[in-house]
Amino acid sequence: MTDPDRYPGVPRWVKGFGIAVGAAVVLLVVALHVGGGLRHDMPSIGARTDPATPENGR
């Protein structure tokens, strides 16, 4: 008879790490789609937020 393998499969910590990374990716994708993307509330640099507002704010 042959000796059984010492590690018959993937180690438990590798499975746990893979599940944690997969969950983080899923949460990131959901947050990006629900929140409207990375720049939802950030205007472009130098752009006015309201086109009707003059440069000096009056």
N, C-alpha and C. Protein backbone atom coordinates (compact mmCIF):
# COMPACT_ATOMS: atom_id res chain seq x y z
N MET A 1 0.82 -1.19 0.00
CA MET A 1 0.00 0.00 0.00
C MET A 1 0.86 1.25 0.00
N THR A 2 0.37 2.24 -0.68
CA THR A 2 1.12 3.49 -0.70
C THR A 2 0.64 4.39 0.43
N ASP A 3 1.51 5.26 0.85
CA ASP A 3 1.15 6.22 1.89
C ASP A 3 0.19 7.26 1.32
N PRO A 4 -0.80 7.68 2.09
CA PRO A 4 -1.71 8.73 1.61
C PRO A 4 -0.96 10.06 1.48
N ASP A 5 -1.43 10.87 0.57
CA ASP A 5 -0.79 12.17 0.39
C ASP A 5 -0.91 12.99 1.67
N ARG A 6 0.13 13.72 1.94
CA ARG A 6 0.10 14.55 3.13
C ARG A 6 -0.86 15.72 2.95
N TYR A 7 -0.91 16.29 1.77
CA TYR A 7 -1.81 17.40 1.44
C TYR A 7 -2.69 16.95 0.27
N PRO A 8 -3.85 16.40 0.55
CA PRO A 8 -4.70 15.87 -0.51
C PRO A 8 -5.34 16.95 -1.38
N GLY A 9 -5.29 18.18 -0.95
CA GLY A 9 -5.91 19.26 -1.73
C GLY A 9 -5.24 20.59 -1.41
N VAL A 10 -5.94 21.63 -1.73
CA VAL A 10 -5.44 22.97 -1.46
C VAL A 10 -5.50 23.22 0.04
N PRO A 11 -4.46 23.83 0.62
CA PRO A 11 -4.50 24.12 2.06
C PRO A 11 -5.67 25.04 2.43
N ARG A 12 -6.13 24.91 3.65
CA ARG A 12 -7.30 25.65 4.12
C ARG A 12 -7.08 27.16 4.05
N TRP A 13 -5.86 27.63 4.35
CA TRP A 13 -5.62 29.08 4.33
C TRP A 13 -5.69 29.63 2.92
N VAL A 14 -5.33 28.84 1.92
CA VAL A 14 -5.40 29.30 0.54
C VAL A 14 -6.86 29.44 0.12
N LYS A 15 -7.69 28.48 0.51
CA LYS A 15 -9.12 28.56 0.22
C LYS A 15 -9.74 29.78 0.89
N GLY A 16 -9.39 30.00 2.15
CA GLY A 16 -9.92 31.16 2.89
C GLY A 16 -9.50 32.47 2.27
N PHE A 17 -8.24 32.55 1.88
CA PHE A 17 -7.74 33.77 1.24
C PHE A 17 -8.43 34.01 -0.09
N GLY A 18 -8.63 32.97 -0.86
CA GLY A 18 -9.32 33.10 -2.14
C GLY A 18 -10.76 33.56 -1.98
N ILE A 19 -11.43 33.02 -0.97
CA ILE A 19 -12.82 33.43 -0.71
C ILE A 19 -12.86 34.89 -0.28
N ALA A 20 -11.92 35.31 0.57
CA ALA A 20 -11.88 36.70 1.04
C ALA A 20 -11.61 37.67 -0.11
N VAL A 21 -10.67 37.33 -0.98
CA VAL A 21 -10.37 38.19 -2.14
C VAL A 21 -11.56 38.23 -3.08
N GLY A 22 -12.19 37.10 -3.32
CA GLY A 22 -13.37 37.06 -4.18
C GLY A 22 -14.50 37.91 -3.63
N ALA A 23 -14.73 37.84 -2.32
CA ALA A 23 -15.78 38.64 -1.69
C ALA A 23 -15.45 40.13 -1.80
N ALA A 24 -14.19 40.50 -1.62
CA ALA A 24 -13.80 41.90 -1.74
C ALA A 24 -14.01 42.41 -3.16
N VAL A 25 -13.69 41.60 -4.15
CA VAL A 25 -13.90 42.00 -5.55
C VAL A 25 -15.38 42.17 -5.84
N VAL A 26 -16.19 41.25 -5.37
CA VAL A 26 -17.64 41.35 -5.58
C VAL A 26 -18.19 42.62 -4.92
N LEU A 27 -17.77 42.91 -3.70
CA LEU A 27 -18.23 44.12 -3.02
C LEU A 27 -17.78 45.38 -3.76
N LEU A 28 -16.57 45.39 -4.28
CA LEU A 28 -16.08 46.54 -5.04
C LEU A 28 -16.90 46.74 -6.31
N VAL A 29 -17.18 45.68 -7.04
CA VAL A 29 -17.97 45.79 -8.27
C VAL A 29 -19.38 46.27 -7.96
N VAL A 30 -19.99 45.74 -6.92
CA VAL A 30 -21.34 46.16 -6.54
C VAL A 30 -21.33 47.64 -6.13
N ALA A 31 -20.34 48.05 -5.34
CA ALA A 31 -20.26 49.44 -4.90
C ALA A 31 -20.06 50.39 -6.07
N LEU A 32 -19.28 49.98 -7.06
CA LEU A 32 -19.06 50.84 -8.23
C LEU A 32 -20.32 50.98 -9.06
N HIS A 33 -21.07 49.91 -9.21
CA HIS A 33 -22.29 49.96 -10.02
C HIS A 33 -23.42 50.69 -9.29
N VAL A 34 -23.55 50.46 -8.01
CA VAL A 34 -24.62 51.10 -7.24
C VAL A 34 -24.30 52.58 -7.03
N GLY A 35 -23.04 52.89 -6.77
CA GLY A 35 -22.64 54.26 -6.47
C GLY A 35 -22.42 55.12 -7.71
N GLY A 36 -22.49 54.60 -8.86
CA GLY A 36 -22.31 55.39 -10.08
C GLY A 36 -20.87 55.54 -10.53
N GLY A 37 -19.96 54.77 -9.99
CA GLY A 37 -18.57 54.84 -10.42
C GLY A 37 -17.70 55.52 -9.40
N LEU A 38 -16.43 55.66 -9.74
CA LEU A 38 -15.47 56.23 -8.81
C LEU A 38 -15.62 57.74 -8.67
N ARG A 39 -16.05 58.43 -9.69
CA ARG A 39 -16.10 59.89 -9.67
C ARG A 39 -17.52 60.42 -9.58
N HIS A 40 -18.37 59.75 -8.84
CA HIS A 40 -19.77 60.14 -8.77
C HIS A 40 -19.96 61.53 -8.19
N ASP A 41 -19.27 61.86 -7.09
CA ASP A 41 -19.45 63.14 -6.44
C ASP A 41 -18.25 64.06 -6.60
N MET A 42 -17.29 63.70 -7.43
CA MET A 42 -16.10 64.52 -7.59
C MET A 42 -16.12 65.20 -8.95
N PRO A 43 -16.23 66.53 -8.98
CA PRO A 43 -16.15 67.22 -10.27
C PRO A 43 -14.73 67.18 -10.81
N SER A 44 -14.57 67.45 -12.07
CA SER A 44 -13.25 67.49 -12.67
C SER A 44 -12.45 68.64 -12.08
N ILE A 45 -11.14 68.53 -12.13
CA ILE A 45 -10.28 69.58 -11.59
C ILE A 45 -10.43 70.83 -12.45
N GLY A 46 -10.74 71.93 -11.81
CA GLY A 46 -10.86 73.20 -12.50
C GLY A 46 -12.22 73.43 -13.13
N ALA A 47 -13.11 72.48 -13.07
CA ALA A 47 -14.43 72.65 -13.67
C ALA A 47 -15.38 73.26 -12.65
N ARG A 48 -16.27 74.12 -13.12
CA ARG A 48 -17.29 74.68 -12.26
C ARG A 48 -18.38 73.63 -12.07
N THR A 49 -18.96 73.60 -10.88
CA THR A 49 -20.01 72.62 -10.62
C THR A 49 -21.33 73.03 -11.23
N ASP A 50 -21.58 74.35 -11.35
CA ASP A 50 -22.82 74.84 -11.94
C ASP A 50 -22.46 75.78 -13.08
N PRO A 51 -22.80 75.45 -14.33
CA PRO A 51 -22.41 76.30 -15.46
C PRO A 51 -23.03 77.68 -15.39
N ALA A 52 -24.15 77.86 -14.67
CA ALA A 52 -24.80 79.16 -14.60
C ALA A 52 -24.09 80.08 -13.59
N THR A 53 -23.26 79.55 -12.73
CA THR A 53 -22.57 80.36 -11.73
C THR A 53 -21.34 81.00 -12.37
N PRO A 54 -21.21 82.34 -12.24
CA PRO A 54 -20.02 83.00 -12.78
C PRO A 54 -18.75 82.61 -12.01
N GLU A 55 -17.61 82.94 -12.57
CA GLU A 55 -16.32 82.57 -11.99
C GLU A 55 -16.16 83.09 -10.56
N ASN A 56 -16.58 84.32 -10.27
CA ASN A 56 -16.36 84.88 -8.95
C ASN A 56 -17.45 84.51 -7.95
N GLY A 57 -18.46 83.77 -8.33
CA GLY A 57 -19.48 83.28 -7.44
C GLY A 57 -20.63 84.24 -7.19
N ARG A 58 -20.69 85.37 -7.90
CA ARG A 58 -21.79 86.33 -7.70
C ARG A 58 -22.87 86.15 -8.73
